[in-house]
């Protein structure tokens, strides 16, 4: 028997909620994403900047979700420390780091000029 189509969304949302509730780094990424979105609205960034910001947020959140999945599976199949388990967890965490660095670079490029203009208006 096939599951209803709506179940695919329900389980996906449950996974996201699980990661937010249990993973400190996911909460940090979500909070920083929220700040970036609010800042984008305040600074009225361009459509193309919104797309870059959305891409950066999407890949970081996706990488963190995959990292959580890898860590959970590794912990399930290898409850004791093992060198290969460490490699799996470390490389998954490395993927998150790479995407987060990309997101910071994107944020700096997007927010630099409008941020300087806003700061100039506030000071003068």
PDB file of N, CA and C in Angstrom:
ATOM      1  N   UNK A   1       0.844  -1.183   0.000  1.00  0.00           N
ATOM      2  CA  UNK A   1       0.000   0.000   0.000  1.00  0.00           C
ATOM      3  C   UNK A   1       0.887   1.244   0.000  1.00  0.00           C
ATOM      4  N   UNK A   2       0.599   2.147  -0.884  1.00  0.00           N
ATOM      5  CA  UNK A   2       1.363   3.383  -0.970  1.00  0.00           C
ATOM      6  C   UNK A   2       0.876   4.374   0.076  1.00  0.00           C
ATOM      7  N   UNK A   3       1.855   5.141   0.565  1.00  0.00           N
ATOM      8  CA  UNK A   3       1.504   6.199   1.515  1.00  0.00           C
ATOM      9  C   UNK A   3       0.932   7.383   0.751  1.00  0.00           C
ATOM     10  N   UNK A   4       0.090   8.171   1.416  1.00  0.00           N
ATOM     11  CA  UNK A   4      -0.436   9.377   0.765  1.00  0.00           C
ATOM     12  C   UNK A   4       0.694  10.361   0.450  1.00  0.00           C
ATOM     13  N   UNK A   5       0.501  11.120  -0.618  1.00  0.00           N
ATOM     14  CA  UNK A   5       1.484  12.111  -1.047  1.00  0.00           C
ATOM     15  C   UNK A   5       1.810  13.081   0.089  1.00  0.00           C
ATOM     16  N   UNK A   6       0.829  13.443   0.882  1.00  0.00           N
ATOM     17  CA  UNK A   6       1.032  14.407   1.967  1.00  0.00           C
ATOM     18  C   UNK A   6       2.027  13.878   3.014  1.00  0.00           C
ATOM     19  N   UNK A   7       2.151  12.555   3.111  1.00  0.00           N
ATOM     20  CA  UNK A   7       3.108  11.978   4.070  1.00  0.00           C
ATOM     21  C   UNK A   7       4.544  12.362   3.740  1.00  0.00           C
ATOM     22  N   UNK A   8       4.846  12.531   2.462  1.00  0.00           N
ATOM     23  CA  UNK A   8       6.217  12.893   2.105  1.00  0.00           C
ATOM     24  C   UNK A   8       6.583  14.256   2.684  1.00  0.00           C
ATOM     25  N   UNK A   9       5.639  15.173   2.675  1.00  0.00           N
ATOM     26  CA  UNK A   9       5.877  16.488   3.261  1.00  0.00           C
ATOM     27  C   UNK A   9       5.926  16.409   4.784  1.00  0.00           C
ATOM     28  N   UNK A  10       5.028  15.615   5.351  1.00  0.00           N
ATOM     29  CA  UNK A  10       4.967  15.488   6.803  1.00  0.00           C
ATOM     30  C   UNK A  10       6.272  14.942   7.365  1.00  0.00           C
ATOM     31  N   UNK A  11       6.813  13.891   6.746  1.00  0.00           N
ATOM     32  CA  UNK A  11       8.050  13.304   7.270  1.00  0.00           C
ATOM     33  C   UNK A  11       9.245  14.220   7.012  1.00  0.00           C
ATOM     34  N   UNK A  12       9.231  14.936   5.904  1.00  0.00           N
ATOM     35  CA  UNK A  12      10.315  15.888   5.625  1.00  0.00           C
ATOM     36  C   UNK A  12      10.317  17.017   6.651  1.00  0.00           C
ATOM     37  N   UNK A  13       9.145  17.546   6.933  1.00  0.00           N
ATOM     38  CA  UNK A  13       9.042  18.605   7.938  1.00  0.00           C
ATOM     39  C   UNK A  13       9.429  18.071   9.313  1.00  0.00           C
ATOM     40  N   UNK A  14       9.051  16.843   9.613  1.00  0.00           N
ATOM     41  CA  UNK A  14       9.444  16.241  10.894  1.00  0.00           C
ATOM     42  C   UNK A  14      10.963  16.146  11.006  1.00  0.00           C
ATOM     43  N   UNK A  15      11.632  15.839   9.908  1.00  0.00           N
ATOM     44  CA  UNK A  15      13.090  15.776   9.917  1.00  0.00           C
ATOM     45  C   UNK A  15      13.715  17.131  10.164  1.00  0.00           C
ATOM     46  N   UNK A  16      13.170  18.154   9.541  1.00  0.00           N
ATOM     47  CA  UNK A  16      13.676  19.509   9.745  1.00  0.00           C
ATOM     48  C   UNK A  16      13.461  19.944  11.188  1.00  0.00           C
ATOM     49  N   UNK A  17      12.269  19.680  11.704  1.00  0.00           N
ATOM     50  CA  UNK A  17      11.966  20.045  13.092  1.00  0.00           C
ATOM     51  C   UNK A  17      12.875  19.294  14.051  1.00  0.00           C
ATOM     52  N   UNK A  18      13.115  18.012  13.793  1.00  0.00           N
ATOM     53  CA  UNK A  18      14.025  17.225  14.632  1.00  0.00           C
ATOM     54  C   UNK A  18      15.409  17.865  14.660  1.00  0.00           C
ATOM     55  N   UNK A  19      15.915  18.233  13.494  1.00  0.00           N
ATOM     56  CA  UNK A  19      17.258  18.820  13.424  1.00  0.00           C
ATOM     57  C   UNK A  19      17.312  20.146  14.174  1.00  0.00           C
ATOM     58  N   UNK A  20      16.280  20.958  14.040  1.00  0.00           N
ATOM     59  CA  UNK A  20      16.260  22.246  14.749  1.00  0.00           C
ATOM     60  C   UNK A  20      16.207  22.023  16.257  1.00  0.00           C
ATOM     61  N   UNK A  21      15.419  21.056  16.686  1.00  0.00           N
ATOM     62  CA  UNK A  21      15.278  20.809  18.129  1.00  0.00           C
ATOM     63  C   UNK A  21      16.515  20.177  18.755  1.00  0.00           C
ATOM     64  N   UNK A  22      17.244  19.376  18.000  1.00  0.00           N
ATOM     65  CA  UNK A  22      18.316  18.583  18.614  1.00  0.00           C
ATOM     66  C   UNK A  22      19.722  19.024  18.242  1.00  0.00           C
ATOM     67  N   UNK A  23      19.867  19.814  17.205  1.00  0.00           N
ATOM     68  CA  UNK A  23      21.209  20.157  16.726  1.00  0.00           C
ATOM     69  C   UNK A  23      21.479  21.648  16.938  1.00  0.00           C
ATOM     70  N   UNK A  24      22.407  21.952  17.817  1.00  0.00           N
ATOM     71  CA  UNK A  24      22.745  23.339  18.124  1.00  0.00           C
ATOM     72  C   UNK A  24      23.163  24.091  16.859  1.00  0.00           C
ATOM     73  N   UNK A  25      24.003  23.480  16.040  1.00  0.00           N
ATOM     74  CA  UNK A  25      24.468  24.168  14.836  1.00  0.00           C
ATOM     75  C   UNK A  25      23.325  24.472  13.870  1.00  0.00           C
ATOM     76  N   UNK A  26      22.346  23.599  13.812  1.00  0.00           N
ATOM     77  CA  UNK A  26      21.187  23.862  12.951  1.00  0.00           C
ATOM     78  C   UNK A  26      20.444  25.089  13.457  1.00  0.00           C
ATOM     79  N   UNK A  27      20.292  25.203  14.771  1.00  0.00           N
ATOM     80  CA  UNK A  27      19.634  26.393  15.323  1.00  0.00           C
ATOM     81  C   UNK A  27      20.428  27.657  15.001  1.00  0.00           C
ATOM     82  N   UNK A  28      21.747  27.572  15.050  1.00  0.00           N
ATOM     83  CA  UNK A  28      22.590  28.721  14.694  1.00  0.00           C
ATOM     84  C   UNK A  28      22.383  29.079  13.221  1.00  0.00           C
ATOM     85  N   UNK A  29      22.390  28.080  12.352  1.00  0.00           N
ATOM     86  CA  UNK A  29      22.205  28.346  10.920  1.00  0.00           C
ATOM     87  C   UNK A  29      20.829  28.955  10.645  1.00  0.00           C
ATOM     88  N   UNK A  30      19.814  28.449  11.292  1.00  0.00           N
ATOM     89  CA  UNK A  30      18.459  28.983  11.090  1.00  0.00           C
ATOM     90  C   UNK A  30      18.378  30.421  11.604  1.00  0.00           C
ATOM     91  N   UNK A  31      18.980  30.687  12.752  1.00  0.00           N
ATOM     92  CA  UNK A  31      18.968  32.048  13.302  1.00  0.00           C
ATOM     93  C   UNK A  31      19.719  33.011  12.384  1.00  0.00           C
ATOM     94  N   UNK A  32      20.888  32.610  11.916  1.00  0.00           N
ATOM     95  CA  UNK A  32      21.665  33.471  11.019  1.00  0.00           C
ATOM     96  C   UNK A  32      20.923  33.688   9.697  1.00  0.00           C
ATOM     97  N   UNK A  33      20.223  32.658   9.227  1.00  0.00           N
ATOM     98  CA  UNK A  33      19.419  32.797   8.013  1.00  0.00           C
ATOM     99  C   UNK A  33      18.315  33.828   8.223  1.00  0.00           C
ATOM    100  N   UNK A  34      17.673  33.747   9.366  1.00  0.00           N
ATOM    101  CA  UNK A  34      16.619  34.718   9.682  1.00  0.00           C
ATOM    102  C   UNK A  34      17.151  36.138   9.730  1.00  0.00           C
ATOM    103  N   UNK A  35      18.307  36.311  10.352  1.00  0.00           N
ATOM    104  CA  UNK A  35      18.927  37.639  10.410  1.00  0.00           C
ATOM    105  C   UNK A  35      19.256  38.125   8.999  1.00  0.00           C
ATOM    106  N   UNK A  36      19.809  37.243   8.166  1.00  0.00           N
ATOM    107  CA  UNK A  36      20.149  37.624   6.794  1.00  0.00           C
ATOM    108  C   UNK A  36      18.900  38.011   6.011  1.00  0.00           C
ATOM    109  N   UNK A  37      17.812  37.281   6.193  1.00  0.00           N
ATOM    110  CA  UNK A  37      16.573  37.601   5.483  1.00  0.00           C
ATOM    111  C   UNK A  37      16.006  38.940   5.940  1.00  0.00           C
ATOM    112  N   UNK A  38      16.029  39.189   7.232  1.00  0.00           N
ATOM    113  CA  UNK A  38      15.555  40.473   7.757  1.00  0.00           C
ATOM    114  C   UNK A  38      16.431  41.609   7.236  1.00  0.00           C
ATOM    115  N   UNK A  39      17.746  41.412   7.270  1.00  0.00           N
ATOM    116  CA  UNK A  39      18.673  42.421   6.770  1.00  0.00           C
ATOM    117  C   UNK A  39      18.461  42.680   5.282  1.00  0.00           C
ATOM    118  N   UNK A  40      18.204  41.616   4.526  1.00  0.00           N
ATOM    119  CA  UNK A  40      17.910  41.777   3.102  1.00  0.00           C
ATOM    120  C   UNK A  40      16.679  42.632   2.873  1.00  0.00           C
ATOM    121  N   UNK A  41      15.665  42.437   3.715  1.00  0.00           N
ATOM    122  CA  UNK A  41      14.458  43.260   3.603  1.00  0.00           C
ATOM    123  C   UNK A  41      14.715  44.705   3.983  1.00  0.00           C
ATOM    124  N   UNK A  42      15.458  44.909   5.057  1.00  0.00           N
ATOM    125  CA  UNK A  42      15.764  46.274   5.494  1.00  0.00           C
ATOM    126  C   UNK A  42      16.585  47.012   4.443  1.00  0.00           C
ATOM    127  N   UNK A  43      17.574  46.328   3.883  1.00  0.00           N
ATOM    128  CA  UNK A  43      18.471  46.962   2.916  1.00  0.00           C
ATOM    129  C   UNK A  43      17.933  46.931   1.492  1.00  0.00           C
ATOM    130  N   UNK A  44      16.770  46.314   1.302  1.00  0.00           N
ATOM    131  CA  UNK A  44      16.113  46.241  -0.007  1.00  0.00           C
ATOM    132  C   UNK A  44      17.076  45.754  -1.097  1.00  0.00           C
ATOM    133  N   UNK A  45      17.599  44.560  -0.885  1.00  0.00           N
ATOM    134  CA  UNK A  45      18.554  44.001  -1.842  1.00  0.00           C
ATOM    135  C   UNK A  45      17.844  43.645  -3.149  1.00  0.00           C
ATOM    136  N   UNK A  46      18.613  43.514  -4.208  1.00  0.00           N
ATOM    137  CA  UNK A  46      18.055  43.255  -5.540  1.00  0.00           C
ATOM    138  C   UNK A  46      17.525  41.822  -5.651  1.00  0.00           C
ATOM    139  N   UNK A  47      16.790  41.589  -6.708  1.00  0.00           N
ATOM    140  CA  UNK A  47      16.242  40.253  -6.965  1.00  0.00           C
ATOM    141  C   UNK A  47      17.361  39.220  -7.098  1.00  0.00           C
ATOM    142  N   UNK A  48      18.406  39.565  -7.826  1.00  0.00           N
ATOM    143  CA  UNK A  48      19.507  38.606  -7.988  1.00  0.00           C
ATOM    144  C   UNK A  48      20.208  38.354  -6.657  1.00  0.00           C
ATOM    145  N   UNK A  49      20.311  39.374  -5.817  1.00  0.00           N
ATOM    146  CA  UNK A  49      20.895  39.176  -4.488  1.00  0.00           C
ATOM    147  C   UNK A  49      20.015  38.264  -3.634  1.00  0.00           C
ATOM    148  N   UNK A  50      18.694  38.407  -3.761  1.00  0.00           N
ATOM    149  CA  UNK A  50      17.782  37.510  -3.039  1.00  0.00           C
ATOM    150  C   UNK A  50      18.002  36.061  -3.482  1.00  0.00           C
ATOM    151  N   UNK A  51      18.223  35.876  -4.779  1.00  0.00           N
ATOM    152  CA  UNK A  51      18.451  34.515  -5.275  1.00  0.00           C
ATOM    153  C   UNK A  51      19.752  33.936  -4.717  1.00  0.00           C
ATOM    154  N   UNK A  52      20.816  34.732  -4.703  1.00  0.00           N
ATOM    155  CA  UNK A  52      22.085  34.272  -4.137  1.00  0.00           C
ATOM    156  C   UNK A  52      21.940  33.989  -2.641  1.00  0.00           C
ATOM    157  N   UNK A  53      21.229  34.866  -1.949  1.00  0.00           N
ATOM    158  CA  UNK A  53      21.017  34.659  -0.514  1.00  0.00           C
ATOM    159  C   UNK A  53      20.214  33.384  -0.274  1.00  0.00           C
ATOM    160  N   UNK A  54      19.167  33.192  -1.072  1.00  0.00           N
ATOM    161  CA  UNK A  54      18.364  31.975  -0.955  1.00  0.00           C
ATOM    162  C   UNK A  54      19.173  30.724  -1.240  1.00  0.00           C
ATOM    163  N   UNK A  55      20.031  30.792  -2.244  1.00  0.00           N
ATOM    164  CA  UNK A  55      20.891  29.648  -2.559  1.00  0.00           C
ATOM    165  C   UNK A  55      21.830  29.340  -1.398  1.00  0.00           C
ATOM    166  N   UNK A  56      22.463  30.372  -0.859  1.00  0.00           N
ATOM    167  CA  UNK A  56      23.400  30.171   0.242  1.00  0.00           C
ATOM    168  C   UNK A  56      22.692  29.560   1.451  1.00  0.00           C
ATOM    169  N   UNK A  57      21.533  30.088   1.793  1.00  0.00           N
ATOM    170  CA  UNK A  57      20.771  29.558   2.936  1.00  0.00           C
ATOM    171  C   UNK A  57      20.367  28.115   2.666  1.00  0.00           C
ATOM    172  N   UNK A  58      19.884  27.841   1.470  1.00  0.00           N
ATOM    173  CA  UNK A  58      19.422  26.500   1.119  1.00  0.00           C
ATOM    174  C   UNK A  58      20.542  25.466   1.228  1.00  0.00           C
ATOM    175  N   UNK A  59      21.716  25.796   0.702  1.00  0.00           N
ATOM    176  CA  UNK A  59      22.772  24.786   0.744  1.00  0.00           C
ATOM    177  C   UNK A  59      23.300  24.564   2.158  1.00  0.00           C
ATOM    178  N   UNK A  60      23.345  25.615   2.965  1.00  0.00           N
ATOM    179  CA  UNK A  60      23.810  25.436   4.346  1.00  0.00           C
ATOM    180  C   UNK A  60      22.820  24.585   5.139  1.00  0.00           C
ATOM    181  N   UNK A  61      21.547  24.908   5.057  1.00  0.00           N
ATOM    182  CA  UNK A  61      20.525  24.137   5.788  1.00  0.00           C
ATOM    183  C   UNK A  61      20.500  22.694   5.273  1.00  0.00           C
ATOM    184  N   UNK A  62      20.593  22.512   3.961  1.00  0.00           N
ATOM    185  CA  UNK A  62      20.610  21.160   3.399  1.00  0.00           C
ATOM    186  C   UNK A  62      21.828  20.378   3.875  1.00  0.00           C
ATOM    187  N   UNK A  63      22.982  21.017   3.877  1.00  0.00           N
ATOM    188  CA  UNK A  63      24.199  20.342   4.340  1.00  0.00           C
ATOM    189  C   UNK A  63      24.087  19.967   5.813  1.00  0.00           C
ATOM    190  N   UNK A  64      23.507  20.842   6.612  1.00  0.00           N
ATOM    191  CA  UNK A  64      23.349  20.538   8.040  1.00  0.00           C
ATOM    192  C   UNK A  64      22.371  19.383   8.235  1.00  0.00           C
ATOM    193  N   UNK A  65      21.317  19.333   7.437  1.00  0.00           N
ATOM    194  CA  UNK A  65      20.379  18.208   7.519  1.00  0.00           C
ATOM    195  C   UNK A  65      21.066  16.897   7.133  1.00  0.00           C
ATOM    196  N   UNK A  66      21.873  16.926   6.073  1.00  0.00           N
ATOM    197  CA  UNK A  66      22.610  15.722   5.667  1.00  0.00           C
ATOM    198  C   UNK A  66      23.625  15.329   6.732  1.00  0.00           C
ATOM    199  N   UNK A  67      24.279  16.290   7.346  1.00  0.00           N
ATOM    200  CA  UNK A  67      25.228  16.013   8.413  1.00  0.00           C
ATOM    201  C   UNK A  67      24.526  15.314   9.582  1.00  0.00           C
ATOM    202  N   UNK A  68      23.356  15.802   9.929  1.00  0.00           N
ATOM    203  CA  UNK A  68      22.582  15.179  11.005  1.00  0.00           C
ATOM    204  C   UNK A  68      22.207  13.747  10.637  1.00  0.00           C
ATOM    205  N   UNK A  69      21.817  13.538   9.387  1.00  0.00           N
ATOM    206  CA  UNK A  69      21.463  12.189   8.940  1.00  0.00           C
ATOM    207  C   UNK A  69      22.675  11.258   8.991  1.00  0.00           C
ATOM    208  N   UNK A  70      23.816  11.735   8.500  1.00  0.00           N
ATOM    209  CA  UNK A  70      25.035  10.908   8.525  1.00  0.00           C
ATOM    210  C   UNK A  70      25.413  10.559   9.957  1.00  0.00           C
ATOM    211  N   UNK A  71      25.412  11.560  10.833  1.00  0.00           N
ATOM    212  CA  UNK A  71      25.773  11.299  12.227  1.00  0.00           C
ATOM    213  C   UNK A  71      24.824  10.296  12.876  1.00  0.00           C
ATOM    214  N   UNK A  72      23.541  10.415  12.595  1.00  0.00           N
ATOM    215  CA  UNK A  72      22.556   9.498  13.181  1.00  0.00           C
ATOM    216  C   UNK A  72      22.755   8.073  12.690  1.00  0.00           C
ATOM    217  N   UNK A  73      22.982   7.910  11.387  1.00  0.00           N
ATOM    218  CA  UNK A  73      23.190   6.573  10.832  1.00  0.00           C
ATOM    219  C   UNK A  73      24.483   5.965  11.376  1.00  0.00           C
ATOM    220  N   UNK A  74      25.539   6.760  11.416  1.00  0.00           N
ATOM    221  CA  UNK A  74      26.815   6.260  11.946  1.00  0.00           C
ATOM    222  C   UNK A  74      26.648   5.824  13.394  1.00  0.00           C
ATOM    223  N   UNK A  75      25.973   6.642  14.193  1.00  0.00           N
ATOM    224  CA  UNK A  75      25.753   6.277  15.595  1.00  0.00           C
ATOM    225  C   UNK A  75      24.912   5.010  15.726  1.00  0.00           C
ATOM    226  N   UNK A  76      23.973   4.808  14.807  1.00  0.00           N
ATOM    227  CA  UNK A  76      23.125   3.621  14.840  1.00  0.00           C
ATOM    228  C   UNK A  76      23.919   2.358  14.531  1.00  0.00           C
ATOM    229  N   UNK A  77      24.716   2.392  13.478  1.00  0.00           N
ATOM    230  CA  UNK A  77      25.413   1.186  13.046  1.00  0.00           C
ATOM    231  C   UNK A  77      26.762   0.989  13.736  1.00  0.00           C
ATOM    232  N   UNK A  78      27.308   2.044  14.324  1.00  0.00           N
ATOM    233  CA  UNK A  78      28.622   1.951  14.947  1.00  0.00           C
ATOM    234  C   UNK A  78      28.599   2.714  16.273  1.00  0.00           C
ATOM    235  N   UNK A  79      27.945   2.136  17.306  1.00  0.00           N
ATOM    236  CA  UNK A  79      27.841   2.854  18.577  1.00  0.00           C
ATOM    237  C   UNK A  79      29.199   3.064  19.270  1.00  0.00           C
ATOM    238  N   UNK A  80      30.162   2.196  18.988  1.00  0.00           N
ATOM    239  CA  UNK A  80      31.498   2.368  19.557  1.00  0.00           C
ATOM    240  C   UNK A  80      32.367   3.156  18.586  1.00  0.00           C
ATOM    241  N   UNK A  81      33.384   3.800  19.126  1.00  0.00           N
ATOM    242  CA  UNK A  81      34.285   4.574  18.281  1.00  0.00           C
ATOM    243  C   UNK A  81      34.985   3.679  17.269  1.00  0.00           C
ATOM    244  N   UNK A  82      35.066   4.205  16.048  1.00  0.00           N
ATOM    245  CA  UNK A  82      35.747   3.486  14.968  1.00  0.00           C
ATOM    246  C   UNK A  82      36.347   4.544  14.043  1.00  0.00           C
ATOM    247  N   UNK A  83      37.547   4.300  13.521  1.00  0.00           N
ATOM    248  CA  UNK A  83      38.175   5.308  12.652  1.00  0.00           C
ATOM    249  C   UNK A  83      37.330   5.686  11.433  1.00  0.00           C
ATOM    250  N   UNK A  84      36.654   4.724  10.838  1.00  0.00           N
ATOM    251  CA  UNK A  84      35.833   5.039   9.670  1.00  0.00           C
ATOM    252  C   UNK A  84      34.571   5.825  10.054  1.00  0.00           C
ATOM    253  N   UNK A  85      34.037   5.561  11.235  1.00  0.00           N
ATOM    254  CA  UNK A  85      32.895   6.336  11.722  1.00  0.00           C
ATOM    255  C   UNK A  85      33.315   7.794  11.903  1.00  0.00           C
ATOM    256  N   UNK A  86      34.511   7.987  12.427  1.00  0.00           N
ATOM    257  CA  UNK A  86      35.032   9.341  12.607  1.00  0.00           C
ATOM    258  C   UNK A  86      35.200  10.034  11.258  1.00  0.00           C
ATOM    259  N   UNK A  87      35.716   9.318  10.273  1.00  0.00           N
ATOM    260  CA  UNK A  87      35.887   9.888   8.938  1.00  0.00           C
ATOM    261  C   UNK A  87      34.527  10.322   8.371  1.00  0.00           C
ATOM    262  N   UNK A  88      33.520   9.485   8.497  1.00  0.00           N
ATOM    263  CA  UNK A  88      32.197   9.808   7.975  1.00  0.00           C
ATOM    264  C   UNK A  88      31.638  11.061   8.640  1.00  0.00           C
ATOM    265  N   UNK A  89      31.743  11.105   9.961  1.00  0.00           N
ATOM    266  CA  UNK A  89      31.224  12.264  10.686  1.00  0.00           C
ATOM    267  C   UNK A  89      32.027  13.524  10.379  1.00  0.00           C
ATOM    268  N   UNK A  90      33.327  13.401  10.329  1.00  0.00           N
ATOM    269  CA  UNK A  90      34.181  14.567  10.077  1.00  0.00           C
ATOM    270  C   UNK A  90      33.991  15.126   8.678  1.00  0.00           C
ATOM    271  N   UNK A  91      33.860  14.251   7.685  1.00  0.00           N
ATOM    272  CA  UNK A  91      33.684  14.750   6.324  1.00  0.00           C
ATOM    273  C   UNK A  91      32.297  15.376   6.144  1.00  0.00           C
ATOM    274  N   UNK A  92      31.292  14.822   6.798  1.00  0.00           N
ATOM    275  CA  UNK A  92      29.958  15.433   6.740  1.00  0.00           C
ATOM    276  C   UNK A  92      29.981  16.817   7.388  1.00  0.00           C
ATOM    277  N   UNK A  93      30.679  16.934   8.515  1.00  0.00           N
ATOM    278  CA  UNK A  93      30.824  18.235   9.158  1.00  0.00           C
ATOM    279  C   UNK A  93      31.630  19.187   8.281  1.00  0.00           C
ATOM    280  N   UNK A  94      32.622  18.660   7.588  1.00  0.00           N
ATOM    281  CA  UNK A  94      33.410  19.481   6.671  1.00  0.00           C
ATOM    282  C   UNK A  94      32.560  20.046   5.548  1.00  0.00           C
ATOM    283  N   UNK A  95      31.609  19.255   5.069  1.00  0.00           N
ATOM    284  CA  UNK A  95      30.710  19.734   4.016  1.00  0.00           C
ATOM    285  C   UNK A  95      29.888  20.924   4.514  1.00  0.00           C
ATOM    286  N   UNK A  96      29.460  20.856   5.753  1.00  0.00           N
ATOM    287  CA  UNK A  96      28.715  21.978   6.333  1.00  0.00           C
ATOM    288  C   UNK A  96      29.615  23.206   6.420  1.00  0.00           C
ATOM    289  N   UNK A  97      30.842  23.005   6.852  1.00  0.00           N
ATOM    290  CA  UNK A  97      31.776  24.123   6.952  1.00  0.00           C
ATOM    291  C   UNK A  97      31.997  24.787   5.592  1.00  0.00           C
ATOM    292  N   UNK A  98      32.189  23.995   4.560  1.00  0.00           N
ATOM    293  CA  UNK A  98      32.402  24.547   3.211  1.00  0.00           C
ATOM    294  C   UNK A  98      31.202  25.392   2.786  1.00  0.00           C
ATOM    295  N   UNK A  99      29.997  24.884   3.006  1.00  0.00           N
ATOM    296  CA  UNK A  99      28.808  25.640   2.605  1.00  0.00           C
ATOM    297  C   UNK A  99      28.632  26.889   3.460  1.00  0.00           C
ATOM    298  N   UNK A 100      28.960  26.804   4.739  1.00  0.00           N
ATOM    299  CA  UNK A 100      28.833  27.968   5.616  1.00  0.00           C
ATOM    300  C   UNK A 100      29.820  29.064   5.218  1.00  0.00           C
ATOM    301  N   UNK A 101      31.034  28.682   4.847  1.00  0.00           N
ATOM    302  CA  UNK A 101      32.011  29.671   4.380  1.00  0.00           C
ATOM    303  C   UNK A 101      31.491  30.346   3.106  1.00  0.00           C
ATOM    304  N   UNK A 102      30.941  29.562   2.192  1.00  0.00           N
ATOM    305  CA  UNK A 102      30.345  30.126   0.978  1.00  0.00           C
ATOM    306  C   UNK A 102      29.249  31.122   1.344  1.00  0.00           C
ATOM    307  N   UNK A 103      28.397  30.761   2.300  1.00  0.00           N
ATOM    308  CA  UNK A 103      27.295  31.639   2.699  1.00  0.00           C
ATOM    309  C   UNK A 103      27.815  32.946   3.288  1.00  0.00           C
ATOM    310  N   UNK A 104      28.866  32.883   4.073  1.00  0.00           N
ATOM    311  CA  UNK A 104      29.452  34.104   4.646  1.00  0.00           C
ATOM    312  C   UNK A 104      30.000  34.997   3.536  1.00  0.00           C
ATOM    313  N   UNK A 105      30.671  34.401   2.569  1.00  0.00           N
ATOM    314  CA  UNK A 105      31.204  35.179   1.442  1.00  0.00           C
ATOM    315  C   UNK A 105      30.059  35.830   0.667  1.00  0.00           C
ATOM    316  N   UNK A 106      29.015  35.069   0.391  1.00  0.00           N
ATOM    317  CA  UNK A 106      27.852  35.616  -0.308  1.00  0.00           C
ATOM    318  C   UNK A 106      27.260  36.774   0.491  1.00  0.00           C
ATOM    319  N   UNK A 107      27.111  36.579   1.794  1.00  0.00           N
ATOM    320  CA  UNK A 107      26.565  37.636   2.649  1.00  0.00           C
ATOM    321  C   UNK A 107      27.419  38.889   2.626  1.00  0.00           C
ATOM    322  N   UNK A 108      28.733  38.729   2.678  1.00  0.00           N
ATOM    323  CA  UNK A 108      29.636  39.891   2.635  1.00  0.00           C
ATOM    324  C   UNK A 108      29.498  40.643   1.318  1.00  0.00           C
ATOM    325  N   UNK A 109      29.429  39.903   0.223  1.00  0.00           N
ATOM    326  CA  UNK A 109      29.295  40.540  -1.091  1.00  0.00           C
ATOM    327  C   UNK A 109      27.951  41.257  -1.206  1.00  0.00           C
ATOM    328  N   UNK A 110      26.891  40.601  -0.773  1.00  0.00           N
ATOM    329  CA  UNK A 110      25.551  41.175  -0.904  1.00  0.00           C
ATOM    330  C   UNK A 110      25.360  42.382   0.004  1.00  0.00           C
ATOM    331  N   UNK A 111      25.794  42.283   1.249  1.00  0.00           N
ATOM    332  CA  UNK A 111      25.458  43.309   2.235  1.00  0.00           C
ATOM    333  C   UNK A 111      26.491  44.413   2.377  1.00  0.00           C
ATOM    334  N   UNK A 112      27.642  44.263   1.771  1.00  0.00           N
ATOM    335  CA  UNK A 112      28.689  45.266   1.964  1.00  0.00           C
ATOM    336  C   UNK A 112      28.253  46.656   1.500  1.00  0.00           C
ATOM    337  N   UNK A 113      27.931  46.791   0.223  1.00  0.00           N
ATOM    338  CA  UNK A 113      27.599  48.120  -0.315  1.00  0.00           C
ATOM    339  C   UNK A 113      26.344  48.714   0.316  1.00  0.00           C
ATOM    340  N   UNK A 114      25.216  47.971   0.376  1.00  0.00           N
ATOM    341  CA  UNK A 114      24.036  48.571   1.011  1.00  0.00           C
ATOM    342  C   UNK A 114      24.259  48.855   2.502  1.00  0.00           C
ATOM    343  N   UNK A 115      25.075  48.027   3.145  1.00  0.00           N
ATOM    344  CA  UNK A 115      25.366  48.253   4.563  1.00  0.00           C
ATOM    345  C   UNK A 115      26.166  49.525   4.772  1.00  0.00           C
ATOM    346  N   UNK A 116      27.139  49.763   3.901  1.00  0.00           N
ATOM    347  CA  UNK A 116      27.947  50.979   3.981  1.00  0.00           C
ATOM    348  C   UNK A 116      27.064  52.206   3.723  1.00  0.00           C
ATOM    349  N   UNK A 117      26.185  52.109   2.740  1.00  0.00           N
ATOM    350  CA  UNK A 117      25.281  53.229   2.447  1.00  0.00           C
ATOM    351  C   UNK A 117      24.368  53.531   3.631  1.00  0.00           C
ATOM    352  N   UNK A 118      23.823  52.479   4.248  1.00  0.00           N
ATOM    353  CA  UNK A 118      22.959  52.676   5.417  1.00  0.00           C
ATOM    354  C   UNK A 118      23.748  53.296   6.563  1.00  0.00           C
ATOM    355  N   UNK A 119      24.923  52.798   6.806  1.00  0.00           N
ATOM    356  CA  UNK A 119      25.776  53.341   7.869  1.00  0.00           C
ATOM    357  C   UNK A 119      26.098  54.809   7.597  1.00  0.00           C
ATOM    358  N   UNK A 120      26.392  55.140   6.350  1.00  0.00           N
ATOM    359  CA  UNK A 120      26.679  56.536   5.981  1.00  0.00           C
ATOM    360  C   UNK A 120      25.474  57.436   6.250  1.00  0.00           C
ATOM    361  N   UNK A 121      24.268  56.957   5.890  1.00  0.00           N
ATOM    362  CA  UNK A 121      23.043  57.740   6.127  1.00  0.00           C
ATOM    363  C   UNK A 121      22.801  57.937   7.612  1.00  0.00           C
ATOM    364  N   UNK A 122      23.078  56.898   8.398  1.00  0.00           N
ATOM    365  CA  UNK A 122      22.838  57.001   9.839  1.00  0.00           C
ATOM    366  C   UNK A 122      23.830  57.946  10.517  1.00  0.00           C
ATOM    367  N   UNK A 123      25.049  57.984  10.022  1.00  0.00           N
ATOM    368  CA  UNK A 123      26.064  58.808  10.651  1.00  0.00           C
ATOM    369  C   UNK A 123      26.056  60.258  10.181  1.00  0.00           C
ATOM    370  N   UNK A 124      25.577  60.500   8.958  1.00  0.00           N
ATOM    371  CA  UNK A 124      25.643  61.870   8.416  1.00  0.00           C
ATOM    372  C   UNK A 124      24.289  62.365   8.090  1.00  0.00           C
TER     373      UNK A 124
END
